[in-house]
Structures are given as structure tokens and as C-alpha cells.
């Protein structure tokens, strides 16, 4: 069964970081594509060992809204 994970990619110093939205996973790479590929591998490993209750977050995936908020201090 194919499962999908939404990801957010950002640059952190010299590397790109890909973070899972529905599941707390993260990976990095020298390019955004490499970070996403590494996240995919981490996600596949996570799926192999996930408990049934952990998989519930993926049963009805919603489309995340990407936005930014600002705070002044």
C-alpha cells in the first residue's frame, strides 16, 4: 500500500532540511531533491516499524497549508 507524507523543505546553512508534516521525521541533503530523497528513505524505514496507532495520521491525509507568520518582539 502506498502512503504519502507531506514535506516542508527549508535551507539551514549549507544544507537543505526536509521535514515530515503528518509524522515527525526529518532529513537533510546538499540539495532540496537530496533532502527529499533522504526523507523518503527515512519514511519507508519508519513505515516498516510503525505501530498501527501511529499509522492513523496517514489514513486521511489532508493537504497542508503552507504559510508564514511573523512576530515582533
PDB file of N, CA and C in Angstrom:
ATOM      1  N   UNK A   1       0.845  -1.174   0.000  1.00  0.00           N
ATOM      2  CA  UNK A   1       0.000   0.000   0.000  1.00  0.00           C
ATOM      3  C   UNK A   1       0.896   1.244   0.000  1.00  0.00           C
ATOM      4  N   UNK A   2       0.571   2.178  -0.867  1.00  0.00           N
ATOM      5  CA  UNK A   2       1.338   3.415  -0.928  1.00  0.00           C
ATOM      6  C   UNK A   2       0.809   4.405   0.105  1.00  0.00           C
ATOM      7  N   UNK A   3       1.723   4.988   0.840  1.00  0.00           N
ATOM      8  CA  UNK A   3       1.385   6.028   1.824  1.00  0.00           C
ATOM      9  C   UNK A   3       2.077   7.314   1.409  1.00  0.00           C
ATOM     10  N   UNK A   4       1.446   8.432   1.678  1.00  0.00           N
ATOM     11  CA  UNK A   4       2.025   9.722   1.323  1.00  0.00           C
ATOM     12  C   UNK A   4       2.293  10.541   2.576  1.00  0.00           C
ATOM     13  N   UNK A   5       3.380  11.284   2.518  1.00  0.00           N
ATOM     14  CA  UNK A   5       3.780  12.157   3.608  1.00  0.00           C
ATOM     15  C   UNK A   5       4.047  13.528   3.023  1.00  0.00           C
ATOM     16  N   UNK A   6       3.433  14.540   3.573  1.00  0.00           N
ATOM     17  CA  UNK A   6       3.709  15.911   3.154  1.00  0.00           C
ATOM     18  C   UNK A   6       5.032  16.341   3.758  1.00  0.00           C
ATOM     19  N   UNK A   7       5.765  17.166   3.011  1.00  0.00           N
ATOM     20  CA  UNK A   7       7.077  17.602   3.485  1.00  0.00           C
ATOM     21  C   UNK A   7       7.252  19.098   3.277  1.00  0.00           C
ATOM     22  N   UNK A   8       8.031  19.690   4.158  1.00  0.00           N
ATOM     23  CA  UNK A   8       8.429  21.089   4.052  1.00  0.00           C
ATOM     24  C   UNK A   8       9.948  21.088   3.953  1.00  0.00           C
ATOM     25  N   UNK A   9      10.471  21.801   2.962  1.00  0.00           N
ATOM     26  CA  UNK A   9      11.917  21.870   2.768  1.00  0.00           C
ATOM     27  C   UNK A   9      12.374  23.301   3.013  1.00  0.00           C
ATOM     28  N   UNK A  10      13.423  23.441   3.794  1.00  0.00           N
ATOM     29  CA  UNK A  10      13.994  24.764   4.040  1.00  0.00           C
ATOM     30  C   UNK A  10      15.515  24.642   4.030  1.00  0.00           C
ATOM     31  N   UNK A  11      16.170  25.767   3.826  1.00  0.00           N
ATOM     32  CA  UNK A  11      17.627  25.766   3.817  1.00  0.00           C
ATOM     33  C   UNK A  11      18.118  26.141   5.210  1.00  0.00           C
ATOM     34  N   UNK A  12      19.068  25.363   5.700  1.00  0.00           N
ATOM     35  CA  UNK A  12      19.637  25.599   7.018  1.00  0.00           C
ATOM     36  C   UNK A  12      21.155  25.601   6.866  1.00  0.00           C
ATOM     37  N   UNK A  13      21.723  26.764   6.732  1.00  0.00           N
ATOM     38  CA  UNK A  13      23.169  26.848   6.491  1.00  0.00           C
ATOM     39  C   UNK A  13      23.484  26.362   5.089  1.00  0.00           C
ATOM     40  N   UNK A  14      24.377  25.388   4.999  1.00  0.00           N
ATOM     41  CA  UNK A  14      24.777  24.849   3.694  1.00  0.00           C
ATOM     42  C   UNK A  14      23.888  23.713   3.232  1.00  0.00           C
ATOM     43  N   UNK A  15      22.979  23.252   4.070  1.00  0.00           N
ATOM     44  CA  UNK A  15      22.170  22.084   3.750  1.00  0.00           C
ATOM     45  C   UNK A  15      20.687  22.423   3.666  1.00  0.00           C
ATOM     46  N   UNK A  16      19.959  21.570   2.963  1.00  0.00           N
ATOM     47  CA  UNK A  16      18.504  21.646   2.917  1.00  0.00           C
ATOM     48  C   UNK A  16      17.958  20.619   3.903  1.00  0.00           C
ATOM     49  N   UNK A  17      16.914  20.987   4.603  1.00  0.00           N
ATOM     50  CA  UNK A  17      16.277  20.104   5.577  1.00  0.00           C
ATOM     51  C   UNK A  17      14.853  19.840   5.117  1.00  0.00           C
ATOM     52  N   UNK A  18      14.497  18.567   5.027  1.00  0.00           N
ATOM     53  CA  UNK A  18      13.136  18.157   4.674  1.00  0.00           C
ATOM     54  C   UNK A  18      12.483  17.595   5.928  1.00  0.00           C
ATOM     55  N   UNK A  19      11.312  18.136   6.270  1.00  0.00           N
ATOM     56  CA  UNK A  19      10.597  17.705   7.474  1.00  0.00           C
ATOM     57  C   UNK A  19       9.237  17.154   7.098  1.00  0.00           C
ATOM     58  N   UNK A  20       8.871  16.029   7.708  1.00  0.00           N
ATOM     59  CA  UNK A  20       7.547  15.459   7.501  1.00  0.00           C
ATOM     60  C   UNK A  20       6.513  16.276   8.259  1.00  0.00           C
ATOM     61  N   UNK A  21       5.320  16.395   7.678  1.00  0.00           N
ATOM     62  CA  UNK A  21       4.260  17.159   8.323  1.00  0.00           C
ATOM     63  C   UNK A  21       3.396  16.251   9.200  1.00  0.00           C
ATOM     64  N   UNK A  22       2.872  15.172   8.645  1.00  0.00           N
ATOM     65  CA  UNK A  22       1.976  14.299   9.403  1.00  0.00           C
ATOM     66  C   UNK A  22       2.713  13.448  10.430  1.00  0.00           C
ATOM     67  N   UNK A  23       3.967  13.147  10.145  1.00  0.00           N
ATOM     68  CA  UNK A  23       4.808  12.331  11.018  1.00  0.00           C
ATOM     69  C   UNK A  23       6.080  13.116  11.283  1.00  0.00           C
ATOM     70  N   UNK A  24       6.544  13.115  12.507  1.00  0.00           N
ATOM     71  CA  UNK A  24       7.741  13.881  12.858  1.00  0.00           C
ATOM     72  C   UNK A  24       8.996  13.150  12.392  1.00  0.00           C
ATOM     73  N   UNK A  25       9.365  13.425  11.154  1.00  0.00           N
ATOM     74  CA  UNK A  25      10.588  12.895  10.568  1.00  0.00           C
ATOM     75  C   UNK A  25      11.331  14.051   9.928  1.00  0.00           C
ATOM     76  N   UNK A  26      12.632  13.942   9.842  1.00  0.00           N
ATOM     77  CA  UNK A  26      13.417  14.971   9.168  1.00  0.00           C
ATOM     78  C   UNK A  26      14.650  14.333   8.570  1.00  0.00           C
ATOM     79  N   UNK A  27      15.140  14.959   7.502  1.00  0.00           N
ATOM     80  CA  UNK A  27      16.363  14.528   6.872  1.00  0.00           C
ATOM     81  C   UNK A  27      17.010  15.734   6.221  1.00  0.00           C
ATOM     82  N   UNK A  28      18.231  15.576   5.750  1.00  0.00           N
ATOM     83  CA  UNK A  28      18.905  16.699   5.125  1.00  0.00           C
ATOM     84  C   UNK A  28      19.665  16.236   3.899  1.00  0.00           C
ATOM     85  N   UNK A  29      20.087  17.206   3.082  1.00  0.00           N
ATOM     86  CA  UNK A  29      20.876  16.917   1.900  1.00  0.00           C
ATOM     87  C   UNK A  29      21.506  18.185   1.377  1.00  0.00           C
ATOM     88  N   UNK A  30      22.431  18.026   0.439  1.00  0.00           N
ATOM     89  CA  UNK A  30      23.104  19.183  -0.149  1.00  0.00           C
ATOM     90  C   UNK A  30      22.188  19.944  -1.109  1.00  0.00           C
ATOM     91  N   UNK A  31      21.153  19.260  -1.625  1.00  0.00           N
ATOM     92  CA  UNK A  31      20.146  19.896  -2.478  1.00  0.00           C
ATOM     93  C   UNK A  31      18.774  19.579  -1.904  1.00  0.00           C
ATOM     94  N   UNK A  32      17.762  20.312  -2.347  1.00  0.00           N
ATOM     95  CA  UNK A  32      16.411  20.021  -1.855  1.00  0.00           C
ATOM     96  C   UNK A  32      15.961  18.634  -2.316  1.00  0.00           C
ATOM     97  N   UNK A  33      16.357  18.237  -3.527  1.00  0.00           N
ATOM     98  CA  UNK A  33      15.993  16.912  -4.030  1.00  0.00           C
ATOM     99  C   UNK A  33      16.639  15.807  -3.206  1.00  0.00           C
ATOM    100  N   UNK A  34      17.893  16.010  -2.813  1.00  0.00           N
ATOM    101  CA  UNK A  34      18.581  15.020  -1.983  1.00  0.00           C
ATOM    102  C   UNK A  34      17.941  14.936  -0.606  1.00  0.00           C
ATOM    103  N   UNK A  35      17.558  16.066  -0.052  1.00  0.00           N
ATOM    104  CA  UNK A  35      16.888  16.064   1.261  1.00  0.00           C
ATOM    105  C   UNK A  35      15.566  15.312   1.180  1.00  0.00           C
ATOM    106  N   UNK A  36      14.807  15.521   0.094  1.00  0.00           N
ATOM    107  CA  UNK A  36      13.531  14.813  -0.067  1.00  0.00           C
ATOM    108  C   UNK A  36      13.748  13.314  -0.277  1.00  0.00           C
ATOM    109  N   UNK A  37      14.772  12.949  -1.032  1.00  0.00           N
ATOM    110  CA  UNK A  37      15.071  11.530  -1.243  1.00  0.00           C
ATOM    111  C   UNK A  37      15.428  10.870   0.085  1.00  0.00           C
ATOM    112  N   UNK A  38      16.230  11.559   0.891  1.00  0.00           N
ATOM    113  CA  UNK A  38      16.609  11.018   2.194  1.00  0.00           C
ATOM    114  C   UNK A  38      15.404  10.925   3.125  1.00  0.00           C
ATOM    115  N   UNK A  39      14.496  11.897   3.033  1.00  0.00           N
ATOM    116  CA  UNK A  39      13.274  11.834   3.832  1.00  0.00           C
ATOM    117  C   UNK A  39      12.424  10.653   3.400  1.00  0.00           C
ATOM    118  N   UNK A  40      12.351  10.399   2.091  1.00  0.00           N
ATOM    119  CA  UNK A  40      11.590   9.256   1.600  1.00  0.00           C
ATOM    120  C   UNK A  40      12.139   7.952   2.183  1.00  0.00           C
ATOM    121  N   UNK A  41      13.451   7.811   2.197  1.00  0.00           N
ATOM    122  CA  UNK A  41      14.071   6.613   2.776  1.00  0.00           C
ATOM    123  C   UNK A  41      13.763   6.499   4.264  1.00  0.00           C
ATOM    124  N   UNK A  42      13.830   7.611   4.983  1.00  0.00           N
ATOM    125  CA  UNK A  42      13.507   7.590   6.415  1.00  0.00           C
ATOM    126  C   UNK A  42      12.040   7.219   6.622  1.00  0.00           C
ATOM    127  N   UNK A  43      11.167   7.743   5.762  1.00  0.00           N
ATOM    128  CA  UNK A  43       9.739   7.445   5.856  1.00  0.00           C
ATOM    129  C   UNK A  43       9.483   5.961   5.609  1.00  0.00           C
ATOM    130  N   UNK A  44      10.154   5.387   4.617  1.00  0.00           N
ATOM    131  CA  UNK A  44       9.984   3.962   4.336  1.00  0.00           C
ATOM    132  C   UNK A  44      10.431   3.114   5.518  1.00  0.00           C
ATOM    133  N   UNK A  45      11.547   3.480   6.146  1.00  0.00           N
ATOM    134  CA  UNK A  45      12.000   2.751   7.339  1.00  0.00           C
ATOM    135  C   UNK A  45      11.012   2.912   8.483  1.00  0.00           C
ATOM    136  N   UNK A  46      10.485   4.121   8.645  1.00  0.00           N
ATOM    137  CA  UNK A  46       9.506   4.373   9.698  1.00  0.00           C
ATOM    138  C   UNK A  46       8.267   3.506   9.483  1.00  0.00           C
ATOM    139  N   UNK A  47       7.804   3.426   8.224  1.00  0.00           N
ATOM    140  CA  UNK A  47       6.618   2.627   7.915  1.00  0.00           C
ATOM    141  C   UNK A  47       6.813   1.151   8.257  1.00  0.00           C
ATOM    142  N   UNK A  48       8.022   0.641   8.036  1.00  0.00           N
ATOM    143  CA  UNK A  48       8.308  -0.765   8.336  1.00  0.00           C
ATOM    144  C   UNK A  48       8.150  -1.079   9.815  1.00  0.00           C
ATOM    145  N   UNK A  49       8.370  -0.089  10.680  1.00  0.00           N
ATOM    146  CA  UNK A  49       8.381  -0.335  12.121  1.00  0.00           C
ATOM    147  C   UNK A  49       7.260   0.391  12.874  1.00  0.00           C
ATOM    148  N   UNK A  50       6.387   1.079  12.162  1.00  0.00           N
ATOM    149  CA  UNK A  50       5.332   1.863  12.810  1.00  0.00           C
ATOM    150  C   UNK A  50       4.278   0.956  13.441  1.00  0.00           C
ATOM    151  N   UNK A  51       3.780   1.401  14.559  1.00  0.00           N
ATOM    152  CA  UNK A  51       2.680   0.715  15.227  1.00  0.00           C
ATOM    153  C   UNK A  51       1.371   1.108  14.529  1.00  0.00           C
ATOM    154  N   UNK A  52       0.348   0.255  14.607  1.00  0.00           N
ATOM    155  CA  UNK A  52      -0.925   0.576  13.940  1.00  0.00           C
ATOM    156  C   UNK A  52      -1.504   1.935  14.331  1.00  0.00           C
ATOM    157  N   UNK A  53      -1.393   2.317  15.599  1.00  0.00           N
ATOM    158  CA  UNK A  53      -1.945   3.615  16.005  1.00  0.00           C
ATOM    159  C   UNK A  53      -1.143   4.779  15.424  1.00  0.00           C
ATOM    160  N   UNK A  54       0.145   4.559  15.122  1.00  0.00           N
ATOM    161  CA  UNK A  54       0.952   5.612  14.505  1.00  0.00           C
ATOM    162  C   UNK A  54       0.548   5.846  13.045  1.00  0.00           C
ATOM    163  N   UNK A  55       0.048   4.811  12.405  1.00  0.00           N
ATOM    164  CA  UNK A  55      -0.356   4.916  11.001  1.00  0.00           C
ATOM    165  C   UNK A  55      -1.649   5.696  10.820  1.00  0.00           C
ATOM    166  N   UNK A  56      -2.381   5.923  11.905  1.00  0.00           N
ATOM    167  CA  UNK A  56      -3.649   6.654  11.814  1.00  0.00           C
ATOM    168  C   UNK A  56      -3.463   8.055  11.254  1.00  0.00           C
ATOM    169  N   UNK A  57      -2.321   8.670  11.495  1.00  0.00           N
ATOM    170  CA  UNK A  57      -2.063  10.022  10.988  1.00  0.00           C
ATOM    171  C   UNK A  57      -2.025  10.055   9.470  1.00  0.00           C
ATOM    172  N   UNK A  58      -1.854   8.890   8.845  1.00  0.00           N
ATOM    173  CA  UNK A  58      -1.740   8.827   7.394  1.00  0.00           C
ATOM    174  C   UNK A  58      -2.996   8.298   6.713  1.00  0.00           C
ATOM    175  N   UNK A  59      -4.014   7.930   7.467  1.00  0.00           N
ATOM    176  CA  UNK A  59      -5.196   7.336   6.849  1.00  0.00           C
ATOM    177  C   UNK A  59      -6.017   8.346   6.071  1.00  0.00           C
ATOM    178  N   UNK A  60      -6.120   9.558   6.567  1.00  0.00           N
ATOM    179  CA  UNK A  60      -6.864  10.602   5.877  1.00  0.00           C
ATOM    180  C   UNK A  60      -5.979  11.834   5.762  1.00  0.00           C
ATOM    181  N   UNK A  61      -4.958  11.743   4.894  1.00  0.00           N
ATOM    182  CA  UNK A  61      -4.071  12.897   4.802  1.00  0.00           C
ATOM    183  C   UNK A  61      -4.786  14.112   4.239  1.00  0.00           C
ATOM    184  N   UNK A  62      -4.535  15.243   4.844  1.00  0.00           N
ATOM    185  CA  UNK A  62      -5.096  16.480   4.334  1.00  0.00           C
ATOM    186  C   UNK A  62      -3.994  17.236   3.622  1.00  0.00           C
ATOM    187  N   UNK A  63      -4.390  18.141   2.771  1.00  0.00           N
ATOM    188  CA  UNK A  63      -3.390  18.949   2.087  1.00  0.00           C
ATOM    189  C   UNK A  63      -2.982  20.071   3.026  1.00  0.00           C
ATOM    190  N   UNK A  64      -1.717  20.094   3.420  1.00  0.00           N
ATOM    191  CA  UNK A  64      -1.288  21.136   4.354  1.00  0.00           C
ATOM    192  C   UNK A  64      -1.316  22.511   3.701  1.00  0.00           C
ATOM    193  N   UNK A  65      -1.543  23.492   4.506  1.00  0.00           N
ATOM    194  CA  UNK A  65      -1.495  24.877   4.056  1.00  0.00           C
ATOM    195  C   UNK A  65      -0.132  25.414   4.443  1.00  0.00           C
ATOM    196  N   UNK A  66       0.602  25.876   3.463  1.00  0.00           N
ATOM    197  CA  UNK A  66       1.920  26.433   3.733  1.00  0.00           C
ATOM    198  C   UNK A  66       1.799  27.926   3.890  1.00  0.00           C
ATOM    199  N   UNK A  67       2.242  28.422   5.008  1.00  0.00           N
ATOM    200  CA  UNK A  67       2.148  29.839   5.284  1.00  0.00           C
ATOM    201  C   UNK A  67       3.281  30.247   6.213  1.00  0.00           C
ATOM    202  N   UNK A  68       3.426  31.521   6.396  1.00  0.00           N
ATOM    203  CA  UNK A  68       4.393  32.041   7.350  1.00  0.00           C
ATOM    204  C   UNK A  68       3.683  33.008   8.279  1.00  0.00           C
ATOM    205  N   UNK A  69       4.156  33.072   9.483  1.00  0.00           N
ATOM    206  CA  UNK A  69       3.660  34.056  10.438  1.00  0.00           C
ATOM    207  C   UNK A  69       4.850  34.858  10.931  1.00  0.00           C
ATOM    208  N   UNK A  70       4.619  36.078  11.313  1.00  0.00           N
ATOM    209  CA  UNK A  70       5.689  36.941  11.817  1.00  0.00           C
ATOM    210  C   UNK A  70       5.327  37.424  13.209  1.00  0.00           C
ATOM    211  N   UNK A  71       6.316  37.593  14.014  1.00  0.00           N
ATOM    212  CA  UNK A  71       6.117  38.114  15.353  1.00  0.00           C
ATOM    213  C   UNK A  71       7.168  39.186  15.604  1.00  0.00           C
ATOM    214  N   UNK A  72       6.743  40.277  16.168  1.00  0.00           N
ATOM    215  CA  UNK A  72       7.678  41.352  16.517  1.00  0.00           C
ATOM    216  C   UNK A  72       7.924  41.313  18.015  1.00  0.00           C
ATOM    217  N   UNK A  73       9.161  41.405  18.393  1.00  0.00           N
ATOM    218  CA  UNK A  73       9.496  41.416  19.825  1.00  0.00           C
ATOM    219  C   UNK A  73      10.287  42.662  20.171  1.00  0.00           C
TER     220      UNK A  73
END
